[in-house]
Amino acid sequence: MSDESTQHRFLTIEQAAEELNVKQSLIRGLIKTGELRAIQIGGRGLWRTARQDLEDYVAEAYQRTAESIASGEIIDDGEPDVE
């Protein structure tokens, strides 16, 4: 990744997906449900999400996961997931 001074404030759907290592369809779904803030820019309505909004989404996901583990909804057995 490039150094912070050259990073753009806004990310495309493709860049956000790459950042989270997920498919673009997941990012579109997160935007559609409102879980990930985004805006449409320009005449073609291109979606962009602010880098900070993506970081906020990740922080909230960590928080939700910690709460689920604490409540017993998710059992953390210390073993890595194997696919």
N, C-alpha and C. Protein backbone atom coordinates (compact mmCIF):
# COMPACT_ATOMS: atom_id res chain seq x y z
N MET A 1 0.85 -1.18 0.00
CA MET A 1 0.00 0.00 0.00
C MET A 1 0.89 1.24 0.00
N SER A 2 0.40 2.29 -0.63
CA SER A 2 1.18 3.52 -0.69
C SER A 2 1.20 4.21 0.67
N ASP A 3 2.14 5.13 0.84
CA ASP A 3 2.21 5.79 2.15
C ASP A 3 1.02 6.72 2.34
N GLU A 4 0.73 7.03 3.59
CA GLU A 4 -0.51 7.73 3.95
C GLU A 4 -0.66 9.08 3.28
N SER A 5 0.43 9.78 3.01
CA SER A 5 0.33 11.11 2.43
C SER A 5 -0.18 11.08 0.99
N THR A 6 -0.09 9.94 0.30
CA THR A 6 -0.56 9.84 -1.07
C THR A 6 -1.89 9.10 -1.18
N GLN A 7 -2.46 8.68 -0.07
CA GLN A 7 -3.74 7.98 -0.11
C GLN A 7 -4.86 8.97 -0.39
N HIS A 8 -5.81 8.51 -1.18
CA HIS A 8 -6.97 9.34 -1.49
C HIS A 8 -7.99 9.27 -0.37
N ARG A 9 -8.74 10.35 -0.21
CA ARG A 9 -9.76 10.40 0.84
C ARG A 9 -10.91 9.43 0.55
N PHE A 10 -11.26 9.29 -0.74
CA PHE A 10 -12.38 8.45 -1.13
C PHE A 10 -11.89 7.22 -1.88
N LEU A 11 -12.61 6.12 -1.66
CA LEU A 11 -12.28 4.85 -2.31
C LEU A 11 -13.41 4.45 -3.23
N THR A 12 -13.06 3.80 -4.35
CA THR A 12 -14.06 3.20 -5.22
C THR A 12 -14.55 1.92 -4.55
N ILE A 13 -15.62 1.36 -5.08
CA ILE A 13 -16.10 0.08 -4.57
C ILE A 13 -15.00 -0.98 -4.72
N GLU A 14 -14.32 -0.96 -5.84
CA GLU A 14 -13.24 -1.92 -6.09
C GLU A 14 -12.13 -1.76 -5.05
N GLN A 15 -11.73 -0.53 -4.75
CA GLN A 15 -10.67 -0.30 -3.77
C GLN A 15 -11.10 -0.72 -2.37
N ALA A 16 -12.35 -0.42 -2.01
CA ALA A 16 -12.85 -0.82 -0.69
C ALA A 16 -12.87 -2.34 -0.56
N ALA A 17 -13.31 -3.01 -1.63
CA ALA A 17 -13.33 -4.47 -1.62
C ALA A 17 -11.93 -5.03 -1.49
N GLU A 18 -10.99 -4.45 -2.19
CA GLU A 18 -9.59 -4.90 -2.11
C GLU A 18 -9.05 -4.69 -0.70
N GLU A 19 -9.38 -3.55 -0.11
CA GLU A 19 -8.90 -3.23 1.24
C GLU A 19 -9.37 -4.27 2.26
N LEU A 20 -10.63 -4.73 2.12
CA LEU A 20 -11.19 -5.71 3.05
C LEU A 20 -11.02 -7.15 2.58
N ASN A 21 -10.45 -7.32 1.39
CA ASN A 21 -10.25 -8.65 0.80
C ASN A 21 -11.58 -9.39 0.66
N VAL A 22 -12.58 -8.70 0.10
CA VAL A 22 -13.90 -9.26 -0.14
C VAL A 22 -14.31 -8.95 -1.58
N LYS A 23 -15.43 -9.51 -2.00
CA LYS A 23 -15.94 -9.24 -3.34
C LYS A 23 -16.63 -7.87 -3.38
N GLN A 24 -16.63 -7.28 -4.57
CA GLN A 24 -17.27 -5.98 -4.75
C GLN A 24 -18.76 -6.05 -4.43
N SER A 25 -19.38 -7.20 -4.68
CA SER A 25 -20.81 -7.34 -4.40
C SER A 25 -21.10 -7.19 -2.91
N LEU A 26 -20.18 -7.60 -2.06
CA LEU A 26 -20.37 -7.43 -0.62
C LEU A 26 -20.34 -5.95 -0.26
N ILE A 27 -19.41 -5.21 -0.84
CA ILE A 27 -19.34 -3.77 -0.57
C ILE A 27 -20.62 -3.09 -1.05
N ARG A 28 -21.10 -3.46 -2.23
CA ARG A 28 -22.36 -2.88 -2.73
C ARG A 28 -23.50 -3.20 -1.78
N GLY A 29 -23.54 -4.42 -1.25
CA GLY A 29 -24.58 -4.80 -0.30
C GLY A 29 -24.50 -4.01 0.99
N LEU A 30 -23.29 -3.79 1.49
CA LEU A 30 -23.11 -3.00 2.71
C LEU A 30 -23.57 -1.56 2.51
N ILE A 31 -23.31 -1.04 1.32
CA ILE A 31 -23.76 0.32 1.00
C ILE A 31 -25.29 0.35 0.92
N LYS A 32 -25.86 -0.63 0.24
CA LYS A 32 -27.32 -0.68 0.05
C LYS A 32 -28.06 -0.78 1.39
N THR A 33 -27.51 -1.54 2.35
CA THR A 33 -28.17 -1.69 3.65
C THR A 33 -27.87 -0.54 4.60
N GLY A 34 -26.91 0.31 4.22
CA GLY A 34 -26.55 1.43 5.06
C GLY A 34 -25.50 1.10 6.10
N GLU A 35 -24.97 -0.11 6.07
CA GLU A 35 -23.92 -0.48 7.03
C GLU A 35 -22.62 0.24 6.74
N LEU A 36 -22.39 0.55 5.47
CA LEU A 36 -21.19 1.28 5.05
C LEU A 36 -21.65 2.57 4.37
N ARG A 37 -21.24 3.70 4.94
CA ARG A 37 -21.61 5.00 4.36
C ARG A 37 -20.91 5.19 3.03
N ALA A 38 -21.64 5.75 2.08
CA ALA A 38 -21.07 6.04 0.76
C ALA A 38 -21.88 7.15 0.12
N ILE A 39 -21.30 7.74 -0.91
CA ILE A 39 -21.98 8.79 -1.66
C ILE A 39 -21.87 8.49 -3.14
N GLN A 40 -22.81 9.05 -3.90
CA GLN A 40 -22.73 8.98 -5.35
C GLN A 40 -22.19 10.29 -5.86
N ILE A 41 -21.24 10.19 -6.78
CA ILE A 41 -20.56 11.38 -7.29
C ILE A 41 -20.66 11.40 -8.81
N GLY A 42 -20.92 12.57 -9.34
CA GLY A 42 -20.90 12.76 -10.79
C GLY A 42 -22.18 12.35 -11.48
N GLY A 43 -22.24 12.64 -12.76
CA GLY A 43 -23.41 12.37 -13.57
C GLY A 43 -23.73 10.89 -13.72
N ARG A 44 -22.72 10.06 -13.62
CA ARG A 44 -22.95 8.62 -13.76
C ARG A 44 -23.25 7.96 -12.42
N GLY A 45 -23.23 8.74 -11.34
CA GLY A 45 -23.57 8.20 -10.03
C GLY A 45 -22.58 7.17 -9.51
N LEU A 46 -21.31 7.44 -9.69
CA LEU A 46 -20.28 6.51 -9.21
C LEU A 46 -20.23 6.53 -7.69
N TRP A 47 -20.20 5.36 -7.08
CA TRP A 47 -20.16 5.26 -5.62
C TRP A 47 -18.75 5.43 -5.10
N ARG A 48 -18.64 6.17 -4.00
CA ARG A 48 -17.38 6.35 -3.29
C ARG A 48 -17.66 6.26 -1.80
N THR A 49 -16.72 5.68 -1.09
CA THR A 49 -16.80 5.66 0.37
C THR A 49 -15.53 6.31 0.91
N ALA A 50 -15.69 7.08 1.94
CA ALA A 50 -14.53 7.74 2.54
C ALA A 50 -13.69 6.69 3.26
N ARG A 51 -12.40 6.85 3.17
CA ARG A 51 -11.48 5.93 3.85
C ARG A 51 -11.84 5.82 5.34
N GLN A 52 -12.20 6.95 5.97
CA GLN A 52 -12.55 6.94 7.39
C GLN A 52 -13.83 6.14 7.64
N ASP A 53 -14.79 6.21 6.71
CA ASP A 53 -16.02 5.43 6.86
C ASP A 53 -15.73 3.93 6.80
N LEU A 54 -14.79 3.54 5.95
CA LEU A 54 -14.40 2.14 5.89
C LEU A 54 -13.73 1.73 7.20
N GLU A 55 -12.86 2.58 7.73
CA GLU A 55 -12.20 2.30 9.02
C GLU A 55 -13.24 2.21 10.14
N ASP A 56 -14.24 3.09 10.12
CA ASP A 56 -15.30 3.06 11.13
C ASP A 56 -16.09 1.76 11.03
N TYR A 57 -16.38 1.32 9.81
CA TYR A 57 -17.10 0.05 9.61
C TYR A 57 -16.31 -1.11 10.23
N VAL A 58 -15.01 -1.14 9.98
CA VAL A 58 -14.16 -2.21 10.53
C VAL A 58 -14.16 -2.15 12.06
N ALA A 59 -14.03 -0.97 12.62
CA ALA A 59 -14.03 -0.83 14.09
C ALA A 59 -15.35 -1.32 14.68
N GLU A 60 -16.46 -0.98 14.02
CA GLU A 60 -17.77 -1.43 14.50
C GLU A 60 -17.90 -2.95 14.37
N ALA A 61 -17.35 -3.52 13.32
CA ALA A 61 -17.39 -4.98 13.15
C ALA A 61 -16.60 -5.68 14.25
N TYR A 62 -15.44 -5.12 14.61
CA TYR A 62 -14.67 -5.67 15.74
C TYR A 62 -15.49 -5.61 17.02
N GLN A 63 -16.16 -4.49 17.23
CA GLN A 63 -16.97 -4.31 18.44
C GLN A 63 -18.11 -5.32 18.49
N ARG A 64 -18.83 -5.48 17.36
CA ARG A 64 -19.93 -6.45 17.31
C ARG A 64 -19.43 -7.86 17.57
N THR A 65 -18.28 -8.20 17.02
CA THR A 65 -17.71 -9.53 17.22
C THR A 65 -17.35 -9.74 18.69
N ALA A 66 -16.72 -8.76 19.30
CA ALA A 66 -16.35 -8.87 20.71
C ALA A 66 -17.60 -9.04 21.58
N GLU A 67 -18.65 -8.31 21.27
CA GLU A 67 -19.90 -8.42 22.03
C GLU A 67 -20.53 -9.79 21.85
N SER A 68 -20.48 -10.33 20.62
CA SER A 68 -21.02 -11.66 20.36
C SER A 68 -20.25 -12.74 21.10
N ILE A 69 -18.93 -12.60 21.15
CA ILE A 69 -18.12 -13.56 21.90
C ILE A 69 -18.43 -13.46 23.38
N ALA A 70 -18.52 -12.23 23.90
CA ALA A 70 -18.79 -12.03 25.33
C ALA A 70 -20.15 -12.58 25.74
N SER A 71 -21.14 -12.49 24.85
CA SER A 71 -22.49 -12.97 25.17
C SER A 71 -22.65 -14.47 24.94
N GLY A 72 -21.62 -15.11 24.38
CA GLY A 72 -21.69 -16.54 24.13
C GLY A 72 -22.28 -16.92 22.78
N GLU A 73 -22.65 -15.93 21.98
CA GLU A 73 -23.19 -16.21 20.65
C GLU A 73 -22.14 -16.86 19.75
N ILE A 74 -20.91 -16.43 19.91
CA ILE A 74 -19.77 -16.99 19.15
C ILE A 74 -18.83 -17.59 20.17
N ILE A 75 -18.47 -18.84 19.95
CA ILE A 75 -17.53 -19.50 20.86
C ILE A 75 -16.16 -19.39 20.26
N ASP A 76 -15.25 -18.77 20.99
CA ASP A 76 -13.86 -18.63 20.56
C ASP A 76 -13.08 -19.78 21.17
N ASP A 77 -12.88 -20.84 20.36
CA ASP A 77 -12.19 -22.01 20.87
C ASP A 77 -10.68 -21.93 20.68
N GLY A 78 -10.22 -20.81 20.16
CA GLY A 78 -8.78 -20.63 19.99
C GLY A 78 -8.21 -21.34 18.77
N GLU A 79 -9.03 -22.08 18.06
CA GLU A 79 -8.58 -22.80 16.87
C GLU A 79 -8.85 -21.96 15.62
N PRO A 80 -7.90 -21.95 14.67
CA PRO A 80 -8.13 -21.21 13.44
C PRO A 80 -9.21 -21.91 12.61
N ASP A 81 -9.98 -21.12 11.86
CA ASP A 81 -10.98 -21.67 10.97
C ASP A 81 -10.28 -22.35 9.79
N VAL A 82 -10.75 -23.52 9.43
CA VAL A 82 -10.20 -24.24 8.30
C VAL A 82 -11.29 -24.39 7.26
N GLU A 83 -10.96 -24.00 6.04
CA GLU A 83 -11.97 -24.10 4.97
C GLU A 83 -11.77 -25.36 4.20
